């Protein structure tokens, strides 16, 4: 009898923990799920092309905004190139970039976290080697030619990953508009 009572209490306790596990979903869990869903949605969009990561850890999605010189080659991982870019993410992928909430407040939902072109259109390109960047950005650069401008979607595992970075939460899908500025590529070891 004692063993049956023990088994019954063990079964009830395990069911209690299983039932509670869904209620214990954290904000990070929801954020990860929403960001993965948005990236999955982009993979179905006909304007975007899938590009496997050179790291072998997934893929990025991109669309060509402007084509550069087809006679130039993409940079190698250790070559420095001048790049213009704007990186952003959304706090809520289901809402537009800006909106007015139910209290009448204007909400900025599209968060630009880094850029080389200011609001007036003044460009200040930065010099990078792809091997100095997050994997998804490096993957895009190593397939672009000088003059190319792409919109690149990077899943969290090819971005900043499981840890926050500055004002970017862990598990964030990142979007970059990237342009390799025409110019000579310099080898940088």
Protein backbone atom coordinates (compact mmCIF):
# COMPACT_ATOMS: atom_id res chain seq x y z
CA UNK A 1 0.00 0.00 0.00
CA UNK A 2 2.82 2.37 0.90
CA UNK A 3 4.50 1.81 -2.47
CA UNK A 4 1.22 2.52 -4.33
CA UNK A 5 0.74 5.72 -2.36
CA UNK A 6 4.35 6.71 -3.04
CA UNK A 7 3.93 6.07 -6.79
CA UNK A 8 0.65 7.99 -6.86
CA UNK A 9 2.23 11.00 -5.11
CA UNK A 10 5.23 10.84 -7.47
CA UNK A 11 2.92 10.76 -10.48
CA UNK A 12 0.88 13.72 -9.17
CA UNK A 13 4.04 15.73 -8.47
CA UNK A 14 5.46 15.08 -11.94
CA UNK A 15 2.14 16.07 -13.56
CA UNK A 16 2.13 19.25 -11.48
CA UNK A 17 5.64 20.17 -12.72
CA UNK A 18 4.76 19.38 -16.33
CA UNK A 19 1.58 21.47 -16.13
CA UNK A 20 3.47 24.38 -14.62
CA UNK A 21 6.27 24.35 -17.18
CA UNK A 22 4.19 26.22 -19.79
CA UNK A 23 3.23 28.86 -17.24
CA UNK A 24 6.89 29.46 -16.48
CA UNK A 25 7.65 30.60 -20.00
CA UNK A 26 9.96 33.58 -19.70
CA UNK A 27 10.08 36.79 -21.67
CA UNK A 28 13.27 35.51 -23.35
CA UNK A 29 11.43 32.35 -24.42
CA UNK A 30 8.63 34.38 -26.04
CA UNK A 31 11.16 36.78 -27.60
CA UNK A 32 13.10 33.86 -29.11
CA UNK A 33 9.92 32.23 -30.47
CA UNK A 34 8.68 35.50 -32.02
CA UNK A 35 12.06 36.25 -33.61
CA UNK A 36 12.40 32.72 -35.00
CA UNK A 37 8.86 32.94 -36.40
CA UNK A 38 9.64 36.24 -38.15
CA UNK A 39 12.81 34.80 -39.69
CA UNK A 40 10.86 31.70 -40.79
CA UNK A 41 8.27 33.99 -42.41
CA UNK A 42 10.99 35.81 -44.39
CA UNK A 43 12.28 32.45 -45.67
CA UNK A 44 8.94 32.02 -47.47
CA UNK A 45 9.02 35.46 -49.10
CA UNK A 46 9.70 35.19 -52.86
CA UNK A 47 11.86 38.36 -52.96
CA UNK A 48 14.45 36.84 -50.63
CA UNK A 49 17.21 34.36 -51.42
CA UNK A 50 18.62 31.81 -48.99
CA UNK A 51 22.38 31.91 -48.41
CA UNK A 52 23.98 29.11 -46.38
CA UNK A 53 26.37 30.31 -43.71
CA UNK A 54 30.05 29.63 -44.27
CA UNK A 55 30.11 28.54 -40.60
CA UNK A 56 27.70 25.69 -41.35
CA UNK A 57 25.37 26.90 -38.57
CA UNK A 58 22.34 27.86 -40.62
CA UNK A 59 21.53 30.45 -43.26
CA UNK A 60 20.73 34.10 -43.82
CA UNK A 61 18.15 35.58 -46.17
CA UNK A 62 18.86 38.49 -48.51
CA UNK A 63 17.43 40.50 -51.35
CA UNK A 64 19.39 42.63 -53.77
CA UNK A 65 18.53 46.33 -53.60
CA UNK A 66 21.27 47.45 -56.03
CA UNK A 67 23.77 45.45 -58.06
CA UNK A 68 27.42 46.38 -58.16
CA UNK A 69 30.19 45.70 -60.65
CA UNK A 70 29.89 42.07 -61.88
CA UNK A 71 33.58 42.13 -62.87
CA UNK A 72 34.71 42.63 -59.27
CA UNK A 73 35.04 39.78 -56.82
CA UNK A 74 33.66 39.55 -53.28
CA UNK A 75 36.14 40.11 -50.43
CA UNK A 76 37.91 37.26 -48.71
CA UNK A 77 37.42 36.90 -44.96
CA UNK A 78 40.71 38.68 -44.14
CA UNK A 79 40.35 41.59 -46.61
CA UNK A 80 39.26 45.02 -45.47
CA UNK A 81 36.40 46.70 -47.32
CA UNK A 82 34.59 50.01 -46.86
CA UNK A 83 30.97 49.38 -45.89
CA UNK A 84 27.85 51.49 -45.42
CA UNK A 85 25.15 49.81 -43.37
CA UNK A 86 22.14 50.25 -41.14
CA UNK A 87 21.20 47.57 -38.59
CA UNK A 88 17.78 47.31 -36.98
CA UNK A 89 15.26 45.04 -35.27
CA UNK A 90 11.68 45.38 -34.08
CA UNK A 91 10.32 45.13 -30.57
CA UNK A 92 7.09 43.64 -31.97
CA UNK A 93 7.28 42.03 -35.43
CA UNK A 94 3.48 42.16 -35.81
CA UNK A 95 3.40 45.98 -35.67
CA UNK A 96 4.66 48.62 -38.13
CA UNK A 97 7.90 50.58 -37.63
CA UNK A 98 6.00 53.35 -35.81
CA UNK A 99 2.42 53.34 -34.55
CA UNK A 100 0.08 55.06 -32.11
CA UNK A 101 -0.92 52.84 -29.21
CA UNK A 102 -4.34 52.68 -27.52
CA UNK A 103 -3.31 55.50 -25.14
CA UNK A 104 -2.47 57.82 -28.03
CA UNK A 105 1.32 57.56 -27.62
CA UNK A 106 3.51 57.33 -30.70
CA UNK A 107 5.62 54.17 -30.42
CA UNK A 108 8.91 53.64 -32.26
CA UNK A 109 8.96 49.92 -32.89
CA UNK A 110 11.82 49.70 -35.39
CA UNK A 111 15.03 50.09 -33.39
CA UNK A 112 18.06 51.19 -35.42
CA UNK A 113 21.02 50.08 -33.32
CA UNK A 114 23.92 50.98 -35.62
CA UNK A 115 24.43 52.79 -38.91
CA UNK A 116 26.92 54.62 -41.09
CA UNK A 117 24.43 56.95 -42.80
CA UNK A 118 22.83 59.66 -40.69
CA UNK A 119 19.27 61.03 -40.98
CA UNK A 120 20.46 63.67 -43.48
CA UNK A 121 21.92 61.02 -45.79
CA UNK A 122 25.56 61.75 -44.95
CA UNK A 123 27.58 58.55 -45.29
CA UNK A 124 30.54 57.68 -43.10
CA UNK A 125 31.59 54.23 -44.32
CA UNK A 126 33.49 51.95 -41.96
CA UNK A 127 36.43 49.73 -42.79
CA UNK A 128 35.84 46.06 -41.89
CA UNK A 129 37.25 42.64 -42.51
CA UNK A 130 34.48 40.03 -42.64
CA UNK A 131 36.34 37.95 -40.05
CA UNK A 132 35.80 40.78 -37.51
CA UNK A 133 31.99 40.65 -37.70
CA UNK A 134 29.07 38.54 -36.53
CA UNK A 135 28.79 35.42 -38.71
CA UNK A 136 25.66 36.47 -40.63
CA UNK A 137 27.10 39.88 -41.60
CA UNK A 138 30.38 38.20 -42.62
CA UNK A 139 28.49 35.68 -44.76
CA UNK A 140 26.75 38.46 -46.65
CA UNK A 141 29.93 40.49 -47.21
CA UNK A 142 31.81 37.49 -48.58
CA UNK A 143 29.15 37.07 -51.30
CA UNK A 144 28.74 40.75 -52.24
CA UNK A 145 30.71 42.65 -54.84
CA UNK A 146 31.75 46.30 -54.56
CA UNK A 147 28.70 48.44 -55.31
CA UNK A 148 26.20 45.77 -54.21
CA UNK A 149 23.53 46.84 -51.74
CA UNK A 150 21.54 44.10 -49.99
CA UNK A 151 18.88 43.81 -47.32
CA UNK A 152 20.06 40.95 -45.11
CA UNK A 153 18.06 39.09 -42.46
CA UNK A 154 20.17 37.32 -39.85
CA UNK A 155 18.73 34.78 -37.39
CA UNK A 156 19.81 35.07 -33.77
CA UNK A 157 22.24 32.13 -33.98
CA UNK A 158 24.25 33.95 -36.70
CA UNK A 159 23.90 37.30 -34.94
CA UNK A 160 24.61 38.02 -31.28
CA UNK A 161 23.23 34.67 -30.13
CA UNK A 162 22.07 33.80 -26.64
CA UNK A 163 23.63 36.82 -24.93
CA UNK A 164 22.49 40.43 -25.10
CA UNK A 165 24.75 42.93 -26.86
CA UNK A 166 24.40 46.64 -26.00
CA UNK A 167 20.65 47.36 -26.50
CA UNK A 168 20.03 44.13 -28.45
CA UNK A 169 18.33 41.35 -26.51
CA UNK A 170 19.45 37.74 -26.74
CA UNK A 171 17.75 35.73 -29.53
CA UNK A 172 17.12 38.79 -31.74
CA UNK A 173 16.63 38.52 -35.49
CA UNK A 174 18.69 41.32 -37.04
CA UNK A 175 18.12 43.16 -40.31
CA UNK A 176 20.90 45.02 -42.11
CA UNK A 177 20.98 47.11 -45.22
CA UNK A 178 24.57 46.61 -46.38
CA UNK A 179 26.49 48.27 -49.20
CA UNK A 180 30.09 47.58 -50.11
CA UNK A 181 31.44 50.94 -51.17
CA UNK A 182 33.43 50.68 -54.38
CA UNK A 183 37.12 50.81 -53.70
CA UNK A 184 40.19 48.69 -53.39
CA UNK A 185 40.12 45.77 -51.01
CA UNK A 186 43.14 45.50 -48.76
CA UNK A 187 44.40 42.25 -47.31
CA UNK A 188 44.50 42.40 -43.52
CA UNK A 189 45.92 39.44 -41.63
